[in-house]
Amino acid sequence: MDILEFAIKMELEGEKYYTEQAKINKDNSLSTVFLLLAKDENIHAKILENKVNKLSFDLKQSETLSEAKSVFNDLGTLKNELKQVPNQLDVYRSALENEKESINLYRKYLSEATDNESKKVFEYLIKQEEDHYAIIDQIVTLINHSEEWVESAEFGKREEY
């Protein structure tokens, strides 16, 4: 399997994964975030497919990171919603690892690329996957905080989140 075919398969698996997570989280705000991530992964696969087929493609910047941040802005509601989805932390940590693997893979492909078009595609995909990593990392952080016991103000200063 050539590198672009492998990357397409990886992106489509990511789309499927995030779509499943959206269903699992259908009753909370994370559903929106996972649907955005799934859409991005589908767009990445289409870009790679177009490259394979020597068709034009657009490397426009995704709004997923800023849209996800708006979901995270309502922390009180989100924290309560996260408590209602038990045992998801390991799933999200696995997603972090998948995004990290994608970043590393695209960095490898970038270092091996010989033409400017390929370099631009892999630079674009690296940035997109880094944004996805940041989003999932924020979810993991929020879940970790929602699982911590409630502290009393008299025990000192705590980190803002």
N, C-alpha and C. Protein backbone atom coordinates (compact mmCIF):
# COMPACT_ATOMS: atom_id res chain seq x y z
N MET A 1 0.86 -1.18 0.00
CA MET A 1 0.00 0.00 0.00
C MET A 1 0.90 1.23 0.00
N ASP A 2 0.61 2.15 -0.89
CA ASP A 2 1.43 3.36 -0.97
C ASP A 2 1.07 4.33 0.16
N ILE A 3 1.94 5.30 0.42
CA ILE A 3 1.76 6.18 1.59
C ILE A 3 0.46 6.97 1.53
N LEU A 4 0.06 7.43 0.36
CA LEU A 4 -1.18 8.20 0.27
C LEU A 4 -2.40 7.31 0.51
N GLU A 5 -2.37 6.10 0.00
CA GLU A 5 -3.48 5.18 0.25
C GLU A 5 -3.58 4.85 1.74
N PHE A 6 -2.44 4.66 2.38
CA PHE A 6 -2.42 4.40 3.82
C PHE A 6 -2.98 5.61 4.58
N ALA A 7 -2.57 6.80 4.18
CA ALA A 7 -3.05 8.03 4.84
C ALA A 7 -4.56 8.19 4.65
N ILE A 8 -5.07 7.88 3.46
CA ILE A 8 -6.52 7.96 3.21
C ILE A 8 -7.25 7.00 4.15
N LYS A 9 -6.75 5.77 4.22
CA LYS A 9 -7.37 4.77 5.10
C LYS A 9 -7.36 5.25 6.56
N MET A 10 -6.26 5.81 6.99
CA MET A 10 -6.13 6.32 8.35
C MET A 10 -7.14 7.45 8.61
N GLU A 11 -7.28 8.35 7.66
CA GLU A 11 -8.22 9.47 7.82
C GLU A 11 -9.67 8.97 7.87
N LEU A 12 -10.00 7.99 7.04
CA LEU A 12 -11.36 7.44 7.04
C LEU A 12 -11.66 6.69 8.33
N GLU A 13 -10.65 6.02 8.89
CA GLU A 13 -10.81 5.37 10.20
C GLU A 13 -11.03 6.42 11.28
N GLY A 14 -10.32 7.54 11.18
CA GLY A 14 -10.52 8.64 12.12
C GLY A 14 -11.93 9.21 12.02
N GLU A 15 -12.42 9.36 10.80
CA GLU A 15 -13.79 9.85 10.61
C GLU A 15 -14.79 8.91 11.28
N LYS A 16 -14.62 7.62 11.06
CA LYS A 16 -15.52 6.63 11.66
C LYS A 16 -15.45 6.69 13.19
N TYR A 17 -14.26 6.77 13.73
CA TYR A 17 -14.06 6.84 15.17
C TYR A 17 -14.77 8.05 15.77
N TYR A 18 -14.56 9.22 15.17
CA TYR A 18 -15.17 10.43 15.72
C TYR A 18 -16.69 10.43 15.55
N THR A 19 -17.19 9.82 14.48
CA THR A 19 -18.64 9.70 14.30
C THR A 19 -19.22 8.82 15.41
N GLU A 20 -18.53 7.72 15.73
CA GLU A 20 -18.98 6.86 16.83
C GLU A 20 -18.97 7.61 18.16
N GLN A 21 -17.94 8.41 18.39
CA GLN A 21 -17.87 9.20 19.63
C GLN A 21 -19.00 10.22 19.69
N ALA A 22 -19.35 10.80 18.55
CA ALA A 22 -20.47 11.75 18.51
C ALA A 22 -21.76 11.05 18.93
N LYS A 23 -21.96 9.81 18.48
CA LYS A 23 -23.16 9.06 18.88
C LYS A 23 -23.15 8.76 20.37
N ILE A 24 -21.99 8.35 20.89
CA ILE A 24 -21.88 8.04 22.32
C ILE A 24 -22.18 9.29 23.15
N ASN A 25 -21.78 10.45 22.64
CA ASN A 25 -21.95 11.72 23.36
C ASN A 25 -23.13 12.53 22.84
N LYS A 26 -24.11 11.84 22.26
CA LYS A 26 -25.23 12.55 21.61
C LYS A 26 -26.01 13.45 22.56
N ASP A 27 -25.94 13.18 23.84
CA ASP A 27 -26.69 13.97 24.81
C ASP A 27 -25.87 15.07 25.46
N ASN A 28 -24.68 15.35 24.91
CA ASN A 28 -23.89 16.44 25.47
C ASN A 28 -23.18 17.23 24.38
N SER A 29 -22.53 18.29 24.77
CA SER A 29 -21.90 19.22 23.84
C SER A 29 -20.75 18.61 23.06
N LEU A 30 -20.15 17.54 23.58
CA LEU A 30 -19.02 16.93 22.87
C LEU A 30 -19.45 16.32 21.55
N SER A 31 -20.72 16.02 21.39
CA SER A 31 -21.21 15.50 20.12
C SER A 31 -20.85 16.45 18.99
N THR A 32 -21.05 17.74 19.22
CA THR A 32 -20.72 18.76 18.22
C THR A 32 -19.24 18.73 17.89
N VAL A 33 -18.40 18.63 18.91
CA VAL A 33 -16.94 18.62 18.72
C VAL A 33 -16.55 17.40 17.89
N PHE A 34 -17.09 16.23 18.24
CA PHE A 34 -16.72 15.01 17.52
C PHE A 34 -17.22 15.03 16.08
N LEU A 35 -18.39 15.62 15.85
CA LEU A 35 -18.87 15.73 14.46
C LEU A 35 -17.96 16.65 13.65
N LEU A 36 -17.46 17.71 14.26
CA LEU A 36 -16.51 18.60 13.58
C LEU A 36 -15.22 17.86 13.24
N LEU A 37 -14.72 17.07 14.18
CA LEU A 37 -13.50 16.29 13.95
C LEU A 37 -13.72 15.26 12.84
N ALA A 38 -14.88 14.60 12.86
CA ALA A 38 -15.19 13.61 11.81
C ALA A 38 -15.24 14.28 10.45
N LYS A 39 -15.84 15.45 10.38
CA LYS A 39 -15.93 16.19 9.12
C LYS A 39 -14.52 16.53 8.62
N ASP A 40 -13.66 16.98 9.52
CA ASP A 40 -12.28 17.30 9.14
C ASP A 40 -11.56 16.08 8.58
N GLU A 41 -11.71 14.94 9.26
CA GLU A 41 -11.04 13.72 8.80
C GLU A 41 -11.52 13.34 7.40
N ASN A 42 -12.82 13.52 7.13
CA ASN A 42 -13.36 13.25 5.80
C ASN A 42 -12.76 14.19 4.77
N ILE A 43 -12.63 15.45 5.13
CA ILE A 43 -12.02 16.43 4.22
C ILE A 43 -10.56 16.06 3.94
N HIS A 44 -9.85 15.63 4.96
CA HIS A 44 -8.45 15.22 4.78
C HIS A 44 -8.37 14.04 3.80
N ALA A 45 -9.27 13.07 3.96
CA ALA A 45 -9.27 11.91 3.05
C ALA A 45 -9.54 12.35 1.62
N LYS A 46 -10.47 13.28 1.44
CA LYS A 46 -10.79 13.77 0.09
C LYS A 46 -9.61 14.51 -0.54
N ILE A 47 -8.92 15.29 0.27
CA ILE A 47 -7.72 15.99 -0.23
C ILE A 47 -6.70 14.97 -0.74
N LEU A 48 -6.47 13.94 0.08
CA LEU A 48 -5.50 12.92 -0.30
C LEU A 48 -5.97 12.13 -1.52
N GLU A 49 -7.26 11.82 -1.58
CA GLU A 49 -7.80 11.11 -2.75
C GLU A 49 -7.63 11.95 -4.02
N ASN A 50 -7.92 13.24 -3.90
CA ASN A 50 -7.74 14.12 -5.06
C ASN A 50 -6.28 14.18 -5.48
N LYS A 51 -5.38 14.19 -4.50
CA LYS A 51 -3.95 14.20 -4.84
C LYS A 51 -3.58 12.92 -5.59
N VAL A 52 -4.06 11.77 -5.11
CA VAL A 52 -3.78 10.50 -5.76
C VAL A 52 -4.29 10.52 -7.20
N ASN A 53 -5.50 11.07 -7.39
CA ASN A 53 -6.14 11.10 -8.71
C ASN A 53 -5.73 12.30 -9.54
N LYS A 54 -4.77 13.05 -9.04
CA LYS A 54 -4.24 14.23 -9.74
C LYS A 54 -5.34 15.26 -10.05
N LEU A 55 -6.25 15.41 -9.10
CA LEU A 55 -7.31 16.41 -9.19
C LEU A 55 -6.96 17.58 -8.28
N SER A 56 -7.61 18.70 -8.50
CA SER A 56 -7.33 19.87 -7.66
C SER A 56 -7.92 19.67 -6.26
N PHE A 57 -7.36 20.36 -5.30
CA PHE A 57 -7.85 20.31 -3.93
C PHE A 57 -7.56 21.64 -3.26
N ASP A 58 -8.34 21.93 -2.23
CA ASP A 58 -8.22 23.19 -1.51
C ASP A 58 -7.73 22.90 -0.09
N LEU A 59 -6.68 23.58 0.30
CA LEU A 59 -6.12 23.40 1.65
C LEU A 59 -6.57 24.54 2.57
N LYS A 60 -7.86 24.80 2.58
CA LYS A 60 -8.34 25.90 3.41
C LYS A 60 -8.33 25.51 4.89
N GLN A 61 -8.04 26.50 5.71
CA GLN A 61 -7.93 26.29 7.15
C GLN A 61 -9.28 25.95 7.75
N SER A 62 -9.31 24.94 8.57
CA SER A 62 -10.53 24.51 9.24
C SER A 62 -10.85 25.45 10.41
N GLU A 63 -12.12 25.57 10.70
CA GLU A 63 -12.58 26.37 11.84
C GLU A 63 -12.84 25.48 13.07
N THR A 64 -12.48 24.22 12.98
CA THR A 64 -12.81 23.27 14.05
C THR A 64 -12.24 23.69 15.40
N LEU A 65 -11.00 24.15 15.43
CA LEU A 65 -10.39 24.53 16.71
C LEU A 65 -11.16 25.67 17.37
N SER A 66 -11.49 26.70 16.61
CA SER A 66 -12.22 27.83 17.21
C SER A 66 -13.65 27.43 17.57
N GLU A 67 -14.27 26.57 16.77
CA GLU A 67 -15.63 26.12 17.10
C GLU A 67 -15.61 25.24 18.35
N ALA A 68 -14.60 24.39 18.49
CA ALA A 68 -14.50 23.55 19.69
C ALA A 68 -14.27 24.41 20.92
N LYS A 69 -13.45 25.46 20.78
CA LYS A 69 -13.20 26.35 21.92
C LYS A 69 -14.49 26.99 22.40
N SER A 70 -15.40 27.31 21.48
CA SER A 70 -16.67 27.91 21.90
C SER A 70 -17.50 26.92 22.71
N VAL A 71 -17.41 25.63 22.39
CA VAL A 71 -18.10 24.60 23.19
C VAL A 71 -17.48 24.54 24.58
N PHE A 72 -16.15 24.64 24.66
CA PHE A 72 -15.46 24.56 25.94
C PHE A 72 -15.68 25.80 26.80
N ASN A 73 -16.17 26.88 26.22
CA ASN A 73 -16.38 28.11 26.98
C ASN A 73 -17.44 27.95 28.06
N ASP A 74 -18.43 27.10 27.84
CA ASP A 74 -19.47 26.87 28.83
C ASP A 74 -19.06 25.70 29.72
N LEU A 75 -18.01 25.93 30.52
CA LEU A 75 -17.39 24.86 31.31
C LEU A 75 -18.33 24.22 32.31
N GLY A 76 -19.17 25.01 32.95
CA GLY A 76 -20.05 24.45 33.97
C GLY A 76 -20.97 23.40 33.39
N THR A 77 -21.62 23.72 32.29
CA THR A 77 -22.52 22.77 31.64
C THR A 77 -21.74 21.57 31.13
N LEU A 78 -20.61 21.83 30.50
CA LEU A 78 -19.82 20.74 29.92
C LEU A 78 -19.33 19.78 31.00
N LYS A 79 -18.88 20.30 32.13
CA LYS A 79 -18.40 19.42 33.21
C LYS A 79 -19.51 18.50 33.69
N ASN A 80 -20.71 19.04 33.85
CA ASN A 80 -21.84 18.21 34.27
C ASN A 80 -22.17 17.15 33.23
N GLU A 81 -22.10 17.53 31.96
CA GLU A 81 -22.37 16.58 30.88
C GLU A 81 -21.33 15.46 30.85
N LEU A 82 -20.07 15.81 31.08
CA LEU A 82 -18.99 14.83 31.03
C LEU A 82 -19.14 13.78 32.13
N LYS A 83 -19.65 14.18 33.27
CA LYS A 83 -19.83 13.23 34.37
C LYS A 83 -20.84 12.15 34.00
N GLN A 84 -21.72 12.46 33.03
CA GLN A 84 -22.76 11.52 32.65
C GLN A 84 -22.30 10.53 31.58
N VAL A 85 -21.05 10.63 31.12
CA VAL A 85 -20.50 9.70 30.13
C VAL A 85 -19.33 8.97 30.80
N PRO A 86 -19.63 7.90 31.55
CA PRO A 86 -18.58 7.23 32.32
C PRO A 86 -17.59 6.48 31.43
N ASN A 87 -16.40 6.32 31.96
CA ASN A 87 -15.37 5.48 31.35
C ASN A 87 -14.92 5.92 29.96
N GLN A 88 -15.05 7.17 29.64
CA GLN A 88 -14.64 7.65 28.32
C GLN A 88 -13.21 8.14 28.30
N LEU A 89 -12.62 8.35 29.45
CA LEU A 89 -11.28 8.92 29.51
C LEU A 89 -10.27 8.10 28.73
N ASP A 90 -10.30 6.78 28.88
CA ASP A 90 -9.36 5.93 28.14
C ASP A 90 -9.58 6.03 26.64
N VAL A 91 -10.82 6.18 26.23
CA VAL A 91 -11.14 6.32 24.80
C VAL A 91 -10.51 7.61 24.27
N TYR A 92 -10.62 8.68 25.03
CA TYR A 92 -10.07 9.97 24.58
C TYR A 92 -8.54 9.95 24.60
N ARG A 93 -7.98 9.26 25.57
CA ARG A 93 -6.51 9.13 25.59
C ARG A 93 -6.03 8.35 24.36
N SER A 94 -6.80 7.35 23.98
CA SER A 94 -6.49 6.59 22.77
C SER A 94 -6.57 7.49 21.54
N ALA A 95 -7.56 8.37 21.52
CA ALA A 95 -7.69 9.33 20.41
C ALA A 95 -6.48 10.26 20.37
N LEU A 96 -6.00 10.67 21.54
CA LEU A 96 -4.79 11.49 21.60
C LEU A 96 -3.61 10.76 20.95
N GLU A 97 -3.46 9.50 21.28
CA GLU A 97 -2.38 8.70 20.70
C GLU A 97 -2.54 8.60 19.18
N ASN A 98 -3.77 8.40 18.72
CA ASN A 98 -4.01 8.31 17.28
C ASN A 98 -3.63 9.61 16.58
N GLU A 99 -3.99 10.73 17.19
CA GLU A 99 -3.65 12.03 16.58
C GLU A 99 -2.13 12.22 16.58
N LYS A 100 -1.47 11.81 17.67
CA LYS A 100 -0.01 11.93 17.74
C LYS A 100 0.65 11.07 16.65
N GLU A 101 0.11 9.86 16.45
CA GLU A 101 0.64 8.99 15.40
C GLU A 101 0.45 9.62 14.02
N SER A 102 -0.69 10.25 13.81
CA SER A 102 -0.95 10.92 12.53
C SER A 102 0.05 12.05 12.31
N ILE A 103 0.28 12.83 13.34
CA ILE A 103 1.24 13.94 13.25
C ILE A 103 2.62 13.40 12.89
N ASN A 104 3.06 12.37 13.60
CA ASN A 104 4.38 11.79 13.34
C ASN A 104 4.47 11.20 11.94
N LEU A 105 3.42 10.53 11.51
CA LEU A 105 3.41 9.95 10.18
C LEU A 105 3.51 11.03 9.11
N TYR A 106 2.72 12.10 9.26
CA TYR A 106 2.76 13.18 8.27
C TYR A 106 4.09 13.92 8.30
N ARG A 107 4.71 14.01 9.46
CA ARG A 107 6.05 14.61 9.53
C ARG A 107 7.06 13.75 8.76
N LYS A 108 6.93 12.44 8.90
CA LYS A 108 7.80 11.52 8.17
C LYS A 108 7.58 11.69 6.66
N TYR A 109 6.30 11.71 6.25
CA TYR A 109 5.99 11.87 4.83
C TYR A 109 6.50 13.21 4.31
N LEU A 110 6.40 14.25 5.14
CA LEU A 110 6.90 15.57 4.75
C LEU A 110 8.40 15.51 4.51
N SER A 111 9.11 14.85 5.39
CA SER A 111 10.57 14.77 5.24
C SER A 111 10.99 13.98 4.00
N GLU A 112 10.11 13.10 3.55
CA GLU A 112 10.40 12.29 2.37
C GLU A 112 9.85 12.90 1.08
N ALA A 113 9.01 13.90 1.20
CA ALA A 113 8.37 14.50 0.01
C ALA A 113 9.41 15.19 -0.86
N THR A 114 9.24 15.04 -2.16
CA THR A 114 10.20 15.62 -3.10
C THR A 114 9.63 16.77 -3.91
N ASP A 115 8.30 16.93 -3.91
CA ASP A 115 7.71 18.03 -4.68
C ASP A 115 6.98 18.99 -3.74
N ASN A 116 6.87 20.23 -4.17
CA ASN A 116 6.27 21.28 -3.33
C ASN A 116 4.81 21.00 -3.00
N GLU A 117 4.06 20.45 -3.93
CA GLU A 117 2.65 20.17 -3.68
C GLU A 117 2.49 19.18 -2.53
N SER A 118 3.27 18.11 -2.56
CA SER A 118 3.22 17.12 -1.48
C SER A 118 3.62 17.74 -0.15
N LYS A 119 4.66 18.56 -0.18
CA LYS A 119 5.11 19.23 1.05
C LYS A 119 4.00 20.10 1.63
N LYS A 120 3.29 20.84 0.77
CA LYS A 120 2.19 21.70 1.24
C LYS A 120 1.06 20.86 1.85
N VAL A 121 0.74 19.74 1.19
CA VAL A 121 -0.32 18.87 1.70
C VAL A 121 0.05 18.34 3.08
N PHE A 122 1.27 17.84 3.24
CA PHE A 122 1.67 17.26 4.53
C PHE A 122 1.81 18.32 5.61
N GLU A 123 2.29 19.51 5.27
CA GLU A 123 2.34 20.61 6.24
C GLU A 123 0.94 20.97 6.71
N TYR A 124 0.00 21.03 5.77
CA TYR A 124 -1.40 21.31 6.08
C TYR A 124 -1.96 20.24 7.02
N LEU A 125 -1.75 18.97 6.68
CA LEU A 125 -2.28 17.88 7.49
C LEU A 125 -1.66 17.85 8.88
N ILE A 126 -0.39 18.16 8.98
CA ILE A 126 0.27 18.22 10.29
C ILE A 126 -0.43 19.27 11.16
N LYS A 127 -0.66 20.45 10.61
CA LYS A 127 -1.32 21.53 11.36
C LYS A 127 -2.73 21.11 11.78
N GLN A 128 -3.47 20.49 10.85
CA GLN A 128 -4.83 20.05 11.16
C GLN A 128 -4.82 19.03 12.31
N GLU A 129 -3.92 18.06 12.23
CA GLU A 129 -3.87 17.02 13.26
C GLU A 129 -3.38 17.59 14.59
N GLU A 130 -2.50 18.59 14.56
CA GLU A 130 -2.09 19.25 15.80
C GLU A 130 -3.27 19.96 16.45
N ASP A 131 -4.14 20.57 15.63
CA ASP A 131 -5.35 21.19 16.16
C ASP A 131 -6.26 20.13 16.79
N HIS A 132 -6.41 19.00 16.12
CA HIS A 132 -7.23 17.92 16.67
C HIS A 132 -6.65 17.43 18.00
N TYR A 133 -5.34 17.30 18.05
CA TYR A 133 -4.69 16.88 19.29
C TYR A 133 -5.02 17.87 20.42
N ALA A 134 -4.95 19.16 20.12
CA ALA A 134 -5.23 20.19 21.13
C ALA A 134 -6.68 20.08 21.63
N ILE A 135 -7.60 19.80 20.72
CA ILE A 135 -9.01 19.67 21.10
C ILE A 135 -9.21 18.46 22.02
N ILE A 136 -8.69 17.31 21.62
CA ILE A 136 -8.85 16.10 22.42
C ILE A 136 -8.13 16.25 23.76
N ASP A 137 -6.98 16.89 23.76
CA ASP A 137 -6.25 17.13 25.00
C ASP A 137 -7.08 17.98 25.95
N GLN A 138 -7.79 18.96 25.42
CA GLN A 138 -8.67 19.79 26.25
C GLN A 138 -9.80 18.96 26.85
N ILE A 139 -10.34 18.04 26.06
CA ILE A 139 -11.40 17.16 26.57
C ILE A 139 -10.86 16.30 27.71
N VAL A 140 -9.67 15.73 27.53
CA VAL A 140 -9.06 14.90 28.58
C VAL A 140 -8.85 15.73 29.84
N THR A 141 -8.37 16.94 29.68
CA THR A 141 -8.16 17.83 30.83
C THR A 141 -9.47 18.10 31.56
N LEU A 142 -10.52 18.39 30.80
CA LEU A 142 -11.83 18.66 31.42
C LEU A 142 -12.36 17.44 32.16
N ILE A 143 -12.20 16.27 31.57
CA ILE A 143 -12.67 15.05 32.24
C ILE A 143 -11.86 14.80 33.50
N ASN A 144 -10.56 14.98 33.42
CA ASN A 144 -9.74 14.81 34.63
C ASN A 144 -10.21 15.73 35.73
N HIS A 145 -10.50 16.98 35.38
CA HIS A 145 -10.96 17.93 36.40
C HIS A 145 -12.34 17.56 36.91
N SER A 146 -13.21 17.05 36.04
CA SER A 146 -14.56 16.71 36.49
C SER A 146 -14.55 15.49 37.40
N GLU A 147 -13.50 14.65 37.31
CA GLU A 147 -13.42 13.47 38.15
C GLU A 147 -12.71 13.73 39.48
N GLU A 148 -12.08 14.89 39.60
CA GLU A 148 -11.40 15.21 40.86
C GLU A 148 -12.44 15.52 41.93
N TRP A 149 -12.09 15.25 43.16
CA TRP A 149 -13.02 15.55 44.24
C TRP A 149 -13.11 17.06 44.44
N VAL A 150 -14.24 17.48 44.93
CA VAL A 150 -14.48 18.91 45.14
C VAL A 150 -13.63 19.38 46.30
N GLU A 151 -12.85 20.42 46.02
CA GLU A 151 -11.97 20.94 47.05
C GLU A 151 -12.60 22.14 47.74
N SER A 152 -12.29 22.31 48.98
CA SER A 152 -12.76 23.46 49.73
C SER A 152 -11.79 24.62 49.50
N ALA A 153 -12.33 25.80 49.45
CA ALA A 153 -11.52 27.00 49.20
C ALA A 153 -10.46 27.20 50.28
N GLU A 154 -10.69 26.66 51.46
CA GLU A 154 -9.74 26.88 52.54
C GLU A 154 -8.43 26.10 52.36
N PHE A 155 -8.36 25.19 51.39
CA PHE A 155 -7.15 24.40 51.20
C PHE A 155 -6.16 25.03 50.24
N GLY A 156 -6.37 26.24 49.86
CA GLY A 156 -5.37 26.92 49.04
C GLY A 156 -5.84 27.18 47.62
N LYS A 157 -4.92 27.76 46.89
CA LYS A 157 -5.22 28.18 45.52
C LYS A 157 -5.16 26.98 44.58
N ARG A 158 -6.13 26.90 43.69
CA ARG A 158 -6.17 25.84 42.69
C ARG A 158 -6.05 26.42 41.29
N GLU A 159 -5.62 25.56 40.39
CA GLU A 159 -5.47 25.92 38.99
C GLU A 159 -6.84 26.32 38.41
N GLU A 160 -6.83 27.36 37.57
CA GLU A 160 -8.04 27.78 36.88
C GLU A 160 -8.33 26.84 35.74
N TYR A 161 -9.60 26.50 35.54
CA TYR A 161 -10.00 25.73 34.37
C TYR A 161 -11.44 25.96 34.06
